Amino acid sequence: MNRQYGDMDKPLIASLSLELEIMPGLGVIQLLPAGDFRANDGRPFECAAWRVTDENAQKIIAALAACAKPMVLDYEHQSLYAATSGNPAPAAGWFKQLEWRPGKGMYAVDVEYTGRASAFIAAKEYRYLSAVFAYDKDGNVTKLLNAALTNNPALDDLDEVQLAAASRLAGDKTPPQSPPIPADKSQELSMSVLLAALRLLIKLPEAATEAEAVVGLTKLAETVGATKEKPVDLIEHLAGQQTQIAALTNVAPDPAKYVSVQVMHDMKAQIAALTNGQQQGQVESLITAALSDGRLLPAQEQWARDLGKANVALLQQHLESAAPMAALGNMQTNGKAPAGGGTTNALSADEIAACKQLGLSQEDFAKSKVGAQ
């Protein structure tokens, strides 16, 4: 995380590790990349990117050249701890001359390693370099503050002790505005603990970065209507929401506007029963009329009832399209058996024609006539 001491006009400070293998014996190491760059953890957050251009590169070179002493290359930024820890901060090397290589970056070109550091590098016990630098609010790098050998280029963040020391190196004489550093470093609230709490609050994945946490918190602020001018106490806001929900839950509905679910179910059942009764009456009327005028044969009566139960409109359509048959409207023998003793000979020519039209056998038709009497 990038942090700042004093006013916004004072320099911001950050560290960046380059995963570039150190080549002992050459005396050349890359300190910063060219152009716009960002850290793997999403930094910087207060500007679009850090930036080294042809213009500010010359200012960085001039600033180091103006220093009377060469810049120390230490181990794991121990120089930034020395003033407060009292522990030694041995140098791994020294350099004074910087060189800007357009399109590539800022290089130290006269690095003199100590014998111990050369042995570490040759044995590959140290393989990466981490640079600490100051930058303005637009992300332009303004000064190189410290460089160190490291084995963990992913740990780019500086703690409070390192920031205080780097701030003095950057020329910021204003005392830190953040809380004083506790004597027991275990009391410091680490960023990992803070991120873990935020993951629970806004449901972030375990691998969420600080940048993703900021995005999640911004969405949360928008949801509850929090602004810089009108901040919101989230705990108080949630408690108020729960109180409102409880109040609404305990309020009985207005019977003039709302009815119970059971009443609605009863009404639906009554309407269904009335509709079914009306439909059955309509089906009976249609079938009775059709049987009387010959549009429907007695043998078709059950079929017509089944159709009416399923779709009364379809039954009505069928009967409306059927032509009445006068020959089927009156029985030819008044319900008595034919004189010849047979059944098929008792049919008239019109009845036989009707059987053909309806696809019925003359025997079945004759039987239906007798059964209907």
Foldseek 3Di string as FASTA:
>chain_A
DKDDFDDLQAWIKWKAKDQAFDDPPQQKDFAWFAAFDAAPLDDDPLADGAHDYPVLLVLQQVVLLPDPAWAFAWAPLVVLVCVPPVDDTDGQWTARGWDADPRGHIMGRRTDGDPVNSVCSVVPVFTIKMWMFIDHSHNYTRYTQHMYTYDDRNPTGDDPSSVQSSSVSSVNPDPGPDDDCDPDNVPDDDPLNVVVVLCVVQVDDNPRGPVVSVVSVVVVCVVLVADPVRHDDVVVSVVVVVVVVVVVVPDDDDPVVDDDPVVVVVVVVVVVVVVQVVLLVLLVVLLVVCQQQALDAPVCSVVSNVVSNVPVVVSVVSSVPGDGQNLNNDQPVNLDDDPVNDQLVRRDPSRVVVCVVVVHDSNVRSVSSNVVD
